Amino acid sequence: KLMCGNANRPLAKAIADYLDAPLSDVEIERFADGE
């Protein structure tokens, strides 16, 4: 499985394309205080 955070999504997508594998669905959210 491949997944990524928000730091470099274009690179993660390019790696996924090279491997012909999808990026897993991940939700990254922030609470009001930044957590």
ModelCIF file with pLDDT and N, C-alpha, C, O atoms, coordinates in Angstrom:
data_MODEL
#
_entry.id   MODEL 
#
_entity.id                         1 
_entity.type                       polymer 
_entity.pdbx_number_of_molecules   1 
#
_entity_poly.entity_id                      1 
_entity_poly.type                           'polypeptide(L)' 
_entity_poly.nstd_linkage                   no 
_entity_poly.nstd_monomer                   no 
_entity_poly.pdbx_seq_one_letter_code       KLMCGNANRPLAKAIADYLDAPLSDVEIERFADGE 
_entity_poly.pdbx_seq_one_letter_code_can   KLMCGNANRPLAKAIADYLDAPLSDVEIERFADGE 
_entity_poly.pdbx_strand_id                 A 
#
loop_
_entity_poly_seq.entity_id 
_entity_poly_seq.num 
_entity_poly_seq.mon_id 
_entity_poly_seq.hetero 
1 1  LYS n 
1 2  LEU n 
1 3  MET n 
1 4  CYS n 
1 5  GLY n 
1 6  ASN n 
1 7  ALA n 
1 8  ASN n 
1 9  ARG n 
1 10 PRO n 
1 11 LEU n 
1 12 ALA n 
1 13 LYS n 
1 14 ALA n 
1 15 ILE n 
1 16 ALA n 
1 17 ASP n 
1 18 TYR n 
1 19 LEU n 
1 20 ASP n 
1 21 ALA n 
1 22 PRO n 
1 23 LEU n 
1 24 SER n 
1 25 ASP n 
1 26 VAL n 
1 27 GLU n 
1 28 ILE n 
1 29 GLU n 
1 30 ARG n 
1 31 PHE n 
1 32 ALA n 
1 33 ASP n 
1 34 GLY n 
1 35 GLU n 
#
_struct_asym.id          A 
_struct_asym.entity_id   1 
#
loop_
_ma_qa_metric.id 
_ma_qa_metric.mode 
_ma_qa_metric.name 
_ma_qa_metric.software_group_id 
_ma_qa_metric.type 
1 global pLDDT . pLDDT 
2 local  pLDDT . pLDDT 
#
_ma_qa_metric_global.metric_id      1 
_ma_qa_metric_global.metric_value   97.03 
_ma_qa_metric_global.model_id       1 
_ma_qa_metric_global.ordinal_id     1 
#
loop_
_ma_qa_metric_local.label_asym_id 
_ma_qa_metric_local.label_comp_id 
_ma_qa_metric_local.label_seq_id 
_ma_qa_metric_local.metric_id 
_ma_qa_metric_local.metric_value 
_ma_qa_metric_local.model_id 
_ma_qa_metric_local.ordinal_id 
A LYS 1  2 98.00 1 1  
A LEU 2  2 98.00 1 2  
A MET 3  2 98.00 1 3  
A CYS 4  2 98.00 1 4  
A GLY 5  2 96.00 1 5  
A ASN 6  2 96.00 1 6  
A ALA 7  2 98.00 1 7  
A ASN 8  2 98.00 1 8  
A ARG 9  2 97.00 1 9  
A PRO 10 2 97.00 1 10 
A LEU 11 2 98.00 1 11 
A ALA 12 2 98.00 1 12 
A LYS 13 2 98.00 1 13 
A ALA 14 2 98.00 1 14 
A ILE 15 2 98.00 1 15 
A ALA 16 2 98.00 1 16 
A ASP 17 2 98.00 1 17 
A TYR 18 2 98.00 1 18 
A LEU 19 2 98.00 1 19 
A ASP 20 2 98.00 1 20 
A ALA 21 2 97.00 1 21 
A PRO 22 2 97.00 1 22 
A LEU 23 2 98.00 1 23 
A SER 24 2 98.00 1 24 
A ASP 25 2 96.00 1 25 
A VAL 26 2 96.00 1 26 
A GLU 27 2 96.00 1 27 
A ILE 28 2 96.00 1 28 
A GLU 29 2 96.00 1 29 
A ARG 30 2 95.00 1 30 
A PHE 31 2 96.00 1 31 
A ALA 32 2 96.00 1 32 
A ASP 33 2 96.00 1 33 
A GLY 34 2 93.00 1 34 
A GLU 35 2 96.00 1 35 
#
loop_
_atom_site.group_PDB 
_atom_site.id 
_atom_site.type_symbol 
_atom_site.label_atom_id 
_atom_site.label_alt_id 
_atom_site.label_comp_id 
_atom_site.label_asym_id 
_atom_site.label_entity_id 
_atom_site.label_seq_id 
_atom_site.pdbx_PDB_ins_code 
_atom_site.Cartn_x 
_atom_site.Cartn_y 
_atom_site.Cartn_z 
_atom_site.occupancy 
_atom_site.B_iso_or_equiv 
_atom_site.pdbx_formal_charge 
_atom_site.auth_seq_id 
_atom_site.auth_comp_id 
_atom_site.auth_asym_id 
_atom_site.auth_atom_id 
_atom_site.pdbx_PDB_model_num 
ATOM 1   N N  . LYS A 1 1  ? 0.850  -1.188 0.000   1.00 98.00 ? 1  LYS A N  1 
ATOM 2   C CA . LYS A 1 1  ? 0.000  0.000  0.000   1.00 98.00 ? 1  LYS A CA 1 
ATOM 3   C C  . LYS A 1 1  ? 0.890  1.243  0.000   1.00 98.00 ? 1  LYS A C  1 
ATOM 4   O O  . LYS A 1 1  ? 1.926  1.283  0.664   1.00 98.00 ? 1  LYS A O  1 
ATOM 5   N N  . LEU A 1 2  ? 0.463  2.259  -0.760  1.00 98.00 ? 2  LEU A N  1 
ATOM 6   C CA . LEU A 1 2  ? 1.147  3.544  -0.786  1.00 98.00 ? 2  LEU A CA 1 
ATOM 7   C C  . LEU A 1 2  ? 0.228  4.601  -0.200  1.00 98.00 ? 2  LEU A C  1 
ATOM 8   O O  . LEU A 1 2  ? -0.965 4.627  -0.502  1.00 98.00 ? 2  LEU A O  1 
ATOM 9   N N  . MET A 1 3  ? 0.778  5.474  0.639   1.00 98.00 ? 3  MET A N  1 
ATOM 10  C CA . MET A 1 3  ? 0.001  6.601  1.145   1.00 98.00 ? 3  MET A CA 1 
ATOM 11  C C  . MET A 1 3  ? 0.935  7.785  1.342   1.00 98.00 ? 3  MET A C  1 
ATOM 12  O O  . MET A 1 3  ? 2.157  7.633  1.339   1.00 98.00 ? 3  MET A O  1 
ATOM 13  N N  . CYS A 1 4  ? 0.350  8.965  1.513   1.00 98.00 ? 4  CYS A N  1 
ATOM 14  C CA . CYS A 1 4  ? 1.180  10.150 1.693   1.00 98.00 ? 4  CYS A CA 1 
ATOM 15  C C  . CYS A 1 4  ? 0.464  11.165 2.563   1.00 98.00 ? 4  CYS A C  1 
ATOM 16  O O  . CYS A 1 4  ? -0.748 11.093 2.766   1.00 98.00 ? 4  CYS A O  1 
ATOM 17  N N  . GLY A 1 5  ? 1.246  12.119 3.079   1.00 96.00 ? 5  GLY A N  1 
ATOM 18  C CA . GLY A 1 5  ? 0.697  13.254 3.786   1.00 96.00 ? 5  GLY A CA 1 
ATOM 19  C C  . GLY A 1 5  ? 0.594  14.426 2.826   1.00 96.00 ? 5  GLY A C  1 
ATOM 20  O O  . GLY A 1 5  ? 0.484  14.242 1.614   1.00 96.00 ? 5  GLY A O  1 
ATOM 21  N N  . ASN A 1 6  ? 0.628  15.619 3.373   1.00 96.00 ? 6  ASN A N  1 
ATOM 22  C CA . ASN A 1 6  ? 0.458  16.824 2.549   1.00 96.00 ? 6  ASN A CA 1 
ATOM 23  C C  . ASN A 1 6  ? 1.767  17.452 2.087   1.00 96.00 ? 6  ASN A C  1 
ATOM 24  O O  . ASN A 1 6  ? 1.742  18.453 1.372   1.00 96.00 ? 6  ASN A O  1 
ATOM 25  N N  . ALA A 1 7  ? 2.920  16.886 2.481   1.00 98.00 ? 7  ALA A N  1 
ATOM 26  C CA . ALA A 1 7  ? 4.191  17.556 2.234   1.00 98.00 ? 7  ALA A CA 1 
ATOM 27  C C  . ALA A 1 7  ? 4.557  17.619 0.753   1.00 98.00 ? 7  ALA A C  1 
ATOM 28  O O  . ALA A 1 7  ? 5.056  18.642 0.285   1.00 98.00 ? 7  ALA A O  1 
ATOM 29  N N  . ASN A 1 8  ? 4.315  16.537 0.010   1.00 98.00 ? 8  ASN A N  1 
ATOM 30  C CA . ASN A 1 8  ? 4.711  16.509 -1.405  1.00 98.00 ? 8  ASN A CA 1 
ATOM 31  C C  . ASN A 1 8  ? 3.834  15.528 -2.172  1.00 98.00 ? 8  ASN A C  1 
ATOM 32  O O  . ASN A 1 8  ? 4.280  14.453 -2.575  1.00 98.00 ? 8  ASN A O  1 
ATOM 33  N N  . ARG A 1 9  ? 2.580  15.918 -2.365  1.00 97.00 ? 9  ARG A N  1 
ATOM 34  C CA . ARG A 1 9  ? 1.648  15.045 -3.067  1.00 97.00 ? 9  ARG A CA 1 
ATOM 35  C C  . ARG A 1 9  ? 2.028  14.804 -4.531  1.00 97.00 ? 9  ARG A C  1 
ATOM 36  O O  . ARG A 1 9  ? 1.838  13.691 -5.023  1.00 97.00 ? 9  ARG A O  1 
ATOM 37  N N  . PRO A 1 10 ? 2.562  15.813 -5.253  1.00 97.00 ? 10 PRO A N  1 
ATOM 38  C CA . PRO A 1 10 ? 2.955  15.543 -6.655  1.00 97.00 ? 10 PRO A CA 1 
ATOM 39  C C  . PRO A 1 10 ? 4.009  14.439 -6.763  1.00 97.00 ? 10 PRO A C  1 
ATOM 40  O O  . PRO A 1 10 ? 3.938  13.609 -7.669  1.00 97.00 ? 10 PRO A O  1 
ATOM 41  N N  . LEU A 1 11 ? 4.989  14.418 -5.846  1.00 98.00 ? 11 LEU A N  1 
ATOM 42  C CA . LEU A 1 11 ? 5.998  13.357 -5.873  1.00 98.00 ? 11 LEU A CA 1 
ATOM 43  C C  . LEU A 1 11 ? 5.365  12.011 -5.549  1.00 98.00 ? 11 LEU A C  1 
ATOM 44  O O  . LEU A 1 11 ? 5.663  11.012 -6.204  1.00 98.00 ? 11 LEU A O  1 
ATOM 45  N N  . ALA A 1 12 ? 4.495  11.975 -4.544  1.00 98.00 ? 12 ALA A N  1 
ATOM 46  C CA . ALA A 1 12 ? 3.836  10.719 -4.180  1.00 98.00 ? 12 ALA A CA 1 
ATOM 47  C C  . ALA A 1 12 ? 3.017  10.184 -5.345  1.00 98.00 ? 12 ALA A C  1 
ATOM 48  O O  . ALA A 1 12 ? 3.018  8.980  -5.605  1.00 98.00 ? 12 ALA A O  1 
ATOM 49  N N  . LYS A 1 13 ? 2.312  11.080 -6.053  1.00 98.00 ? 13 LYS A N  1 
ATOM 50  C CA . LYS A 1 13 ? 1.512  10.658 -7.202  1.00 98.00 ? 13 LYS A CA 1 
ATOM 51  C C  . LYS A 1 13 ? 2.421  10.121 -8.314  1.00 98.00 ? 13 LYS A C  1 
ATOM 52  O O  . LYS A 1 13 ? 2.079  9.138  -8.971  1.00 98.00 ? 13 LYS A O  1 
ATOM 53  N N  . ALA A 1 14 ? 3.577  10.762 -8.525  1.00 98.00 ? 14 ALA A N  1 
ATOM 54  C CA . ALA A 1 14 ? 4.509  10.297 -9.555  1.00 98.00 ? 14 ALA A CA 1 
ATOM 55  C C  . ALA A 1 14 ? 5.074  8.919  -9.204  1.00 98.00 ? 14 ALA A C  1 
ATOM 56  O O  . ALA A 1 14 ? 5.260  8.077  -10.083 1.00 98.00 ? 14 ALA A O  1 
ATOM 57  N N  . ILE A 1 15 ? 5.343  8.696  -7.927  1.00 98.00 ? 15 ILE A N  1 
ATOM 58  C CA . ILE A 1 15 ? 5.828  7.377  -7.482  1.00 98.00 ? 15 ILE A CA 1 
ATOM 59  C C  . ILE A 1 15 ? 4.739  6.328  -7.700  1.00 98.00 ? 15 ILE A C  1 
ATOM 60  O O  . ILE A 1 15 ? 5.014  5.226  -8.174  1.00 98.00 ? 15 ILE A O  1 
ATOM 61  N N  . ALA A 1 16 ? 3.509  6.680  -7.352  1.00 98.00 ? 16 ALA A N  1 
ATOM 62  C CA . ALA A 1 16 ? 2.386  5.754  -7.540  1.00 98.00 ? 16 ALA A CA 1 
ATOM 63  C C  . ALA A 1 16 ? 2.211  5.409  -9.017  1.00 98.00 ? 16 ALA A C  1 
ATOM 64  O O  . ALA A 1 16 ? 1.939  4.260  -9.365  1.00 98.00 ? 16 ALA A O  1 
ATOM 65  N N  . ASP A 1 17 ? 2.371  6.419  -9.887  1.00 98.00 ? 17 ASP A N  1 
ATOM 66  C CA . ASP A 1 17 ? 2.263  6.163  -11.328 1.00 98.00 ? 17 ASP A CA 1 
ATOM 67  C C  . ASP A 1 17 ? 3.376  5.225  -11.799 1.00 98.00 ? 17 ASP A C  1 
ATOM 68  O O  . ASP A 1 17 ? 3.142  4.339  -12.621 1.00 98.00 ? 17 ASP A O  1 
ATOM 69  N N  . TYR A 1 18 ? 4.588  5.426  -11.273 1.00 98.00 ? 18 TYR A N  1 
ATOM 70  C CA . TYR A 1 18 ? 5.715  4.564  -11.654 1.00 98.00 ? 18 TYR A CA 1 
ATOM 71  C C  . TYR A 1 18 ? 5.436  3.115  -11.259 1.00 98.00 ? 18 TYR A C  1 
ATOM 72  O O  . TYR A 1 18 ? 5.745  2.190  -12.009 1.00 98.00 ? 18 TYR A O  1 
ATOM 73  N N  . LEU A 1 19 ? 4.853  2.926  -10.083 1.00 98.00 ? 19 LEU A N  1 
ATOM 74  C CA . LEU A 1 19 ? 4.591  1.581  -9.573  1.00 98.00 ? 19 LEU A CA 1 
ATOM 75  C C  . LEU A 1 19 ? 3.254  1.034  -10.052 1.00 98.00 ? 19 LEU A C  1 
ATOM 76  O O  . LEU A 1 19 ? 2.921  -0.123 -9.794  1.00 98.00 ? 19 LEU A O  1 
ATOM 77  N N  . ASP A 1 20 ? 2.478  1.880  -10.760 1.00 98.00 ? 20 ASP A N  1 
ATOM 78  C CA . ASP A 1 20 ? 1.140  1.483  -11.199 1.00 98.00 ? 20 ASP A CA 1 
ATOM 79  C C  . ASP A 1 20 ? 0.314  0.997  -10.011 1.00 98.00 ? 20 ASP A C  1 
ATOM 80  O O  . ASP A 1 20 ? -0.344 -0.041 -10.070 1.00 98.00 ? 20 ASP A O  1 
ATOM 81  N N  . ALA A 1 21 ? 0.368  1.773  -8.937  1.00 97.00 ? 21 ALA A N  1 
ATOM 82  C CA . ALA A 1 21 ? -0.370 1.451  -7.715  1.00 97.00 ? 21 ALA A CA 1 
ATOM 83  C C  . ALA A 1 21 ? -1.054 2.719  -7.219  1.00 97.00 ? 21 ALA A C  1 
ATOM 84  O O  . ALA A 1 21 ? -0.461 3.796  -7.284  1.00 97.00 ? 21 ALA A O  1 
ATOM 85  N N  . PRO A 1 22 ? -2.286 2.621  -6.727  1.00 97.00 ? 22 PRO A N  1 
ATOM 86  C CA . PRO A 1 22 ? -2.989 3.825  -6.275  1.00 97.00 ? 22 PRO A CA 1 
ATOM 87  C C  . PRO A 1 22 ? -2.503 4.290  -4.908  1.00 97.00 ? 22 PRO A C  1 
ATOM 88  O O  . PRO A 1 22 ? -1.972 3.504  -4.122  1.00 97.00 ? 22 PRO A O  1 
ATOM 89  N N  . LEU A 1 23 ? -2.691 5.572  -4.639  1.00 98.00 ? 23 LEU A N  1 
ATOM 90  C CA . LEU A 1 23 ? -2.460 6.094  -3.295  1.00 98.00 ? 23 LEU A CA 1 
ATOM 91  C C  . LEU A 1 23 ? -3.681 5.797  -2.435  1.00 98.00 ? 23 LEU A C  1 
ATOM 92  O O  . LEU A 1 23 ? -4.816 6.002  -2.865  1.00 98.00 ? 23 LEU A O  1 
ATOM 93  N N  . SER A 1 24 ? -3.446 5.320  -1.231  1.00 98.00 ? 24 SER A N  1 
ATOM 94  C CA . SER A 1 24 ? -4.552 5.004  -0.323  1.00 98.00 ? 24 SER A CA 1 
ATOM 95  C C  . SER A 1 24 ? -5.260 6.276  0.129   1.00 98.00 ? 24 SER A C  1 
ATOM 96  O O  . SER A 1 24 ? -4.670 7.355  0.182   1.00 98.00 ? 24 SER A O  1 
ATOM 97  N N  . ASP A 1 25 ? -6.539 6.118  0.451   1.00 96.00 ? 25 ASP A N  1 
ATOM 98  C CA . ASP A 1 25 ? -7.343 7.252  0.907   1.00 96.00 ? 25 ASP A CA 1 
ATOM 99  C C  . ASP A 1 25 ? -7.041 7.575  2.360   1.00 96.00 ? 25 ASP A C  1 
ATOM 100 O O  . ASP A 1 25 ? -7.217 6.743  3.250   1.00 96.00 ? 25 ASP A O  1 
ATOM 101 N N  . VAL A 1 26 ? -6.582 8.796  2.581   1.00 96.00 ? 26 VAL A N  1 
ATOM 102 C CA . VAL A 1 26 ? -6.254 9.257  3.929   1.00 96.00 ? 26 VAL A CA 1 
ATOM 103 C C  . VAL A 1 26 ? -6.862 10.641 4.129   1.00 96.00 ? 26 VAL A C  1 
ATOM 104 O O  . VAL A 1 26 ? -6.723 11.517 3.276   1.00 96.00 ? 26 VAL A O  1 
ATOM 105 N N  . GLU A 1 27 ? -7.531 10.831 5.254   1.00 96.00 ? 27 GLU A N  1 
ATOM 106 C CA . GLU A 1 27 ? -8.062 12.142 5.606   1.00 96.00 ? 27 GLU A CA 1 
ATOM 107 C C  . GLU A 1 27 ? -7.161 12.765 6.676   1.00 96.00 ? 27 GLU A C  1 
ATOM 108 O O  . GLU A 1 27 ? -6.938 12.173 7.732   1.00 96.00 ? 27 GLU A O  1 
ATOM 109 N N  . ILE A 1 28 ? -6.655 13.949 6.395   1.00 96.00 ? 28 ILE A N  1 
ATOM 110 C CA . ILE A 1 28 ? -5.838 14.684 7.366   1.00 96.00 ? 28 ILE A CA 1 
ATOM 111 C C  . ILE A 1 28 ? -6.530 16.019 7.610   1.00 96.00 ? 28 ILE A C  1 
ATOM 112 O O  . ILE A 1 28 ? -6.636 16.852 6.710   1.00 96.00 ? 28 ILE A O  1 
ATOM 113 N N  . GLU A 1 29 ? -6.991 16.204 8.823   1.00 96.00 ? 29 GLU A N  1 
ATOM 114 C CA . GLU A 1 29 ? -7.745 17.400 9.174   1.00 96.00 ? 29 GLU A CA 1 
ATOM 115 C C  . GLU A 1 29 ? -7.096 18.094 10.366  1.00 96.00 ? 29 GLU A C  1 
ATOM 116 O O  . GLU A 1 29 ? -6.227 17.536 11.036  1.00 96.00 ? 29 GLU A O  1 
ATOM 117 N N  . ARG A 1 30 ? -7.536 19.313 10.611  1.00 95.00 ? 30 ARG A N  1 
ATOM 118 C CA . ARG A 1 30 ? -7.056 20.083 11.755  1.00 95.00 ? 30 ARG A CA 1 
ATOM 119 C C  . ARG A 1 30 ? -8.221 20.488 12.634  1.00 95.00 ? 30 ARG A C  1 
ATOM 120 O O  . ARG A 1 30 ? -9.274 20.896 12.144  1.00 95.00 ? 30 ARG A O  1 
ATOM 121 N N  . PHE A 1 31 ? -8.025 20.372 13.923  1.00 96.00 ? 31 PHE A N  1 
ATOM 122 C CA . PHE A 1 31 ? -8.978 20.933 14.862  1.00 96.00 ? 31 PHE A CA 1 
ATOM 123 C C  . PHE A 1 31 ? -8.780 22.452 14.917  1.00 96.00 ? 31 PHE A C  1 
ATOM 124 O O  . PHE A 1 31 ? -7.817 22.982 14.362  1.00 96.00 ? 31 PHE A O  1 
ATOM 125 N N  . ALA A 1 32 ? -9.684 23.128 15.580  1.00 96.00 ? 32 ALA A N  1 
ATOM 126 C CA . ALA A 1 32 ? -9.638 24.588 15.633  1.00 96.00 ? 32 ALA A CA 1 
ATOM 127 C C  . ALA A 1 32 ? -8.337 25.114 16.238  1.00 96.00 ? 32 ALA A C  1 
ATOM 128 O O  . ALA A 1 32 ? -7.880 26.201 15.886  1.00 96.00 ? 32 ALA A O  1 
ATOM 129 N N  . ASP A 1 33 ? -7.746 24.345 17.141  1.00 96.00 ? 33 ASP A N  1 
ATOM 130 C CA . ASP A 1 33 ? -6.505 24.796 17.788  1.00 96.00 ? 33 ASP A CA 1 
ATOM 131 C C  . ASP A 1 33 ? -5.256 24.381 17.025  1.00 96.00 ? 33 ASP A C  1 
ATOM 132 O O  . ASP A 1 33 ? -4.145 24.605 17.504  1.00 96.00 ? 33 ASP A O  1 
ATOM 133 N N  . GLY A 1 34 ? -5.414 23.773 15.835  1.00 93.00 ? 34 GLY A N  1 
ATOM 134 C CA . GLY A 1 34 ? -4.273 23.393 15.010  1.00 93.00 ? 34 GLY A CA 1 
ATOM 135 C C  . GLY A 1 34 ? -3.836 21.948 15.151  1.00 93.00 ? 34 GLY A C  1 
ATOM 136 O O  . GLY A 1 34 ? -2.973 21.499 14.396  1.00 93.00 ? 34 GLY A O  1 
ATOM 137 N N  . GLU A 1 35 ? -4.407 21.198 16.101  1.00 96.00 ? 35 GLU A N  1 
ATOM 138 C CA . GLU A 1 35 ? -4.038 19.791 16.257  1.00 96.00 ? 35 GLU A CA 1 
ATOM 139 C C  . GLU A 1 35 ? -4.456 18.997 15.021  1.00 96.00 ? 35 GLU A C  1 
ATOM 140 O O  . GLU A 1 35 ? -4.232 17.788 14.959  1.00 96.00 ? 35 GLU A O  1 
#
